[in-house]
Amino acid sequence: MSRAPIDIIRTFLDAWSEGPERLEQAIRDLFRADTEWTNMGLSRTVGADEALALGAQFEASMGYATIIVETLHI
């Protein structure tokens, strides 16, 4: 079953508020090998493994366990 891109993004962002294990599972479930995640002006990853490695770097440098993303417009 195909999911709308907006639903995929909402699932990904919501997973951040549920902790690192849930975020890792969401990335593994939602990212394909060619999925590009771009943080404008900061970083770009391709695939789940690169995204998870970047997340680990952010977590280590900033000390966060969860992030709540408030979507104002999508």
N, C-alpha and C. Protein backbone atom coordinates (compact mmCIF):
# COMPACT_ATOMS: atom_id res chain seq x y z
N MET A 1 0.84 -1.19 0.00
CA MET A 1 0.00 0.00 0.00
C MET A 1 0.88 1.25 0.00
N SER A 2 0.59 2.16 -0.87
CA SER A 2 1.35 3.39 -0.99
C SER A 2 0.85 4.42 0.01
N ARG A 3 1.79 5.16 0.59
CA ARG A 3 1.43 6.21 1.53
C ARG A 3 1.75 7.56 0.92
N ALA A 4 0.93 8.53 1.25
CA ALA A 4 1.16 9.89 0.74
C ALA A 4 2.43 10.46 1.38
N PRO A 5 3.21 11.21 0.62
CA PRO A 5 4.44 11.80 1.17
C PRO A 5 4.20 12.59 2.45
N ILE A 6 3.10 13.31 2.55
CA ILE A 6 2.82 14.09 3.76
C ILE A 6 2.67 13.18 4.98
N ASP A 7 2.08 12.00 4.79
CA ASP A 7 1.93 11.06 5.90
C ASP A 7 3.27 10.48 6.34
N ILE A 8 4.15 10.26 5.38
CA ILE A 8 5.49 9.75 5.70
C ILE A 8 6.25 10.79 6.52
N ILE A 9 6.19 12.05 6.10
CA ILE A 9 6.88 13.11 6.82
C ILE A 9 6.32 13.27 8.22
N ARG A 10 5.01 13.26 8.36
CA ARG A 10 4.41 13.38 9.70
C ARG A 10 4.83 12.22 10.60
N THR A 11 4.84 11.02 10.08
CA THR A 11 5.26 9.85 10.87
C THR A 11 6.70 10.01 11.31
N PHE A 12 7.57 10.44 10.41
CA PHE A 12 8.98 10.65 10.71
C PHE A 12 9.16 11.71 11.80
N LEU A 13 8.52 12.86 11.64
CA LEU A 13 8.66 13.94 12.62
C LEU A 13 8.06 13.57 13.97
N ASP A 14 6.92 12.90 13.97
CA ASP A 14 6.29 12.47 15.22
C ASP A 14 7.16 11.48 15.98
N ALA A 15 7.89 10.63 15.26
CA ALA A 15 8.73 9.62 15.91
C ALA A 15 9.81 10.27 16.77
N TRP A 16 10.26 11.47 16.40
CA TRP A 16 11.29 12.16 17.18
C TRP A 16 10.85 12.43 18.61
N SER A 17 9.56 12.68 18.80
CA SER A 17 9.08 12.99 20.15
C SER A 17 8.92 11.74 21.01
N GLU A 18 9.09 10.57 20.41
CA GLU A 18 8.89 9.31 21.13
C GLU A 18 10.20 8.67 21.58
N GLY A 19 11.32 9.31 21.31
CA GLY A 19 12.60 8.81 21.78
C GLY A 19 13.46 8.19 20.69
N PRO A 20 14.74 7.96 21.01
CA PRO A 20 15.70 7.49 20.01
C PRO A 20 15.37 6.14 19.38
N GLU A 21 14.85 5.22 20.18
CA GLU A 21 14.53 3.89 19.62
C GLU A 21 13.42 3.99 18.59
N ARG A 22 12.40 4.78 18.90
CA ARG A 22 11.27 4.95 17.97
C ARG A 22 11.72 5.68 16.71
N LEU A 23 12.59 6.68 16.87
CA LEU A 23 13.09 7.40 15.70
C LEU A 23 13.91 6.48 14.82
N GLU A 24 14.77 5.67 15.42
CA GLU A 24 15.57 4.74 14.62
C GLU A 24 14.67 3.79 13.84
N GLN A 25 13.64 3.27 14.50
CA GLN A 25 12.73 2.35 13.82
C GLN A 25 12.01 3.06 12.67
N ALA A 26 11.58 4.30 12.90
CA ALA A 26 10.89 5.05 11.85
C ALA A 26 11.81 5.28 10.65
N ILE A 27 13.07 5.62 10.93
CA ILE A 27 14.00 5.83 9.82
C ILE A 27 14.20 4.53 9.05
N ARG A 28 14.38 3.44 9.75
CA ARG A 28 14.57 2.15 9.07
C ARG A 28 13.31 1.75 8.29
N ASP A 29 12.13 2.07 8.81
CA ASP A 29 10.88 1.72 8.13
C ASP A 29 10.58 2.62 6.93
N LEU A 30 10.92 3.90 7.06
CA LEU A 30 10.49 4.88 6.07
C LEU A 30 11.52 5.22 5.00
N PHE A 31 12.80 5.11 5.32
CA PHE A 31 13.84 5.50 4.37
C PHE A 31 14.16 4.35 3.43
N ARG A 32 14.32 4.69 2.16
CA ARG A 32 14.85 3.73 1.19
C ARG A 32 16.34 3.99 1.06
N ALA A 33 17.02 3.16 0.31
CA ALA A 33 18.47 3.32 0.13
C ALA A 33 18.82 4.66 -0.51
N ASP A 34 17.90 5.23 -1.30
CA ASP A 34 18.18 6.49 -1.99
C ASP A 34 17.47 7.70 -1.36
N THR A 35 16.90 7.53 -0.17
CA THR A 35 16.23 8.65 0.50
C THR A 35 17.25 9.70 0.90
N GLU A 36 17.01 10.92 0.48
CA GLU A 36 17.88 12.04 0.84
C GLU A 36 17.22 12.85 1.96
N TRP A 37 17.98 13.10 3.02
CA TRP A 37 17.53 13.94 4.12
C TRP A 37 18.46 15.13 4.15
N THR A 38 17.91 16.32 3.87
CA THR A 38 18.72 17.52 3.81
C THR A 38 18.28 18.48 4.90
N ASN A 39 19.23 18.88 5.73
CA ASN A 39 19.05 19.94 6.70
C ASN A 39 19.70 21.17 6.08
N MET A 40 18.88 22.04 5.53
CA MET A 40 19.37 23.15 4.73
C MET A 40 20.50 23.89 5.44
N GLY A 41 21.63 23.99 4.76
CA GLY A 41 22.78 24.70 5.28
C GLY A 41 23.61 23.92 6.29
N LEU A 42 23.16 22.72 6.66
CA LEU A 42 23.87 21.94 7.68
C LEU A 42 24.43 20.63 7.15
N SER A 43 23.54 19.80 6.60
CA SER A 43 23.98 18.45 6.24
C SER A 43 23.04 17.83 5.23
N ARG A 44 23.53 16.75 4.62
CA ARG A 44 22.73 15.95 3.69
C ARG A 44 23.14 14.50 3.88
N THR A 45 22.15 13.62 4.01
CA THR A 45 22.42 12.19 4.10
C THR A 45 21.66 11.47 3.01
N VAL A 46 22.14 10.27 2.69
CA VAL A 46 21.45 9.40 1.73
C VAL A 46 21.30 8.04 2.39
N GLY A 47 20.06 7.58 2.53
CA GLY A 47 19.79 6.27 3.12
C GLY A 47 19.71 6.30 4.64
N ALA A 48 19.19 5.21 5.18
CA ALA A 48 18.95 5.11 6.62
C ALA A 48 20.24 5.14 7.43
N ASP A 49 21.27 4.43 7.01
CA ASP A 49 22.50 4.35 7.80
C ASP A 49 23.17 5.72 7.97
N GLU A 50 23.23 6.51 6.90
CA GLU A 50 23.81 7.84 7.00
C GLU A 50 22.95 8.74 7.89
N ALA A 51 21.63 8.63 7.76
CA ALA A 51 20.73 9.44 8.59
C ALA A 51 20.89 9.09 10.07
N LEU A 52 20.99 7.82 10.37
CA LEU A 52 21.18 7.39 11.76
C LEU A 52 22.52 7.84 12.31
N ALA A 53 23.56 7.80 11.49
CA ALA A 53 24.88 8.26 11.93
C ALA A 53 24.85 9.76 12.22
N LEU A 54 24.18 10.52 11.37
CA LEU A 54 24.06 11.95 11.61
C LEU A 54 23.27 12.22 12.89
N GLY A 55 22.19 11.48 13.08
CA GLY A 55 21.39 11.63 14.30
C GLY A 55 22.21 11.34 15.54
N ALA A 56 23.06 10.33 15.49
CA ALA A 56 23.93 10.00 16.62
C ALA A 56 24.91 11.13 16.90
N GLN A 57 25.41 11.78 15.85
CA GLN A 57 26.31 12.92 16.03
C GLN A 57 25.59 14.09 16.69
N PHE A 58 24.36 14.39 16.22
CA PHE A 58 23.57 15.45 16.83
C PHE A 58 23.30 15.16 18.30
N GLU A 59 22.89 13.92 18.58
CA GLU A 59 22.57 13.55 19.95
C GLU A 59 23.79 13.67 20.86
N ALA A 60 24.94 13.23 20.38
CA ALA A 60 26.17 13.29 21.18
C ALA A 60 26.61 14.75 21.41
N SER A 61 26.49 15.58 20.40
CA SER A 61 26.97 16.96 20.54
C SER A 61 25.99 17.86 21.29
N MET A 62 24.69 17.58 21.17
CA MET A 62 23.68 18.44 21.79
C MET A 62 23.04 17.82 23.03
N GLY A 63 23.20 16.53 23.21
CA GLY A 63 22.66 15.87 24.39
C GLY A 63 21.15 15.75 24.44
N TYR A 64 20.50 15.69 23.30
CA TYR A 64 19.04 15.53 23.32
C TYR A 64 18.65 14.07 23.21
N ALA A 65 17.46 13.74 23.74
CA ALA A 65 16.91 12.40 23.58
C ALA A 65 15.66 12.43 22.70
N THR A 66 14.94 13.52 22.77
CA THR A 66 13.75 13.68 21.93
C THR A 66 13.69 15.11 21.41
N ILE A 67 12.94 15.28 20.33
CA ILE A 67 12.68 16.60 19.76
C ILE A 67 11.20 16.64 19.42
N ILE A 68 10.56 17.71 19.81
CA ILE A 68 9.16 17.89 19.42
C ILE A 68 9.14 18.87 18.26
N VAL A 69 8.59 18.44 17.14
CA VAL A 69 8.51 19.24 15.94
C VAL A 69 7.09 19.74 15.80
N GLU A 70 6.94 21.05 15.84
CA GLU A 70 5.63 21.67 15.64
C GLU A 70 5.53 22.08 14.18
N THR A 71 4.62 21.47 13.45
CA THR A 71 4.45 21.76 12.03
C THR A 71 3.41 22.86 11.90
N LEU A 72 3.84 23.98 11.38
CA LEU A 72 2.94 25.11 11.19
C LEU A 72 2.30 25.11 9.81
N HIS A 73 3.05 24.57 8.84
CA HIS A 73 2.52 24.52 7.48
C HIS A 73 3.27 23.41 6.74
N ILE A 74 2.53 22.57 6.07
CA ILE A 74 3.17 21.49 5.32
C ILE A 74 2.45 21.31 3.99
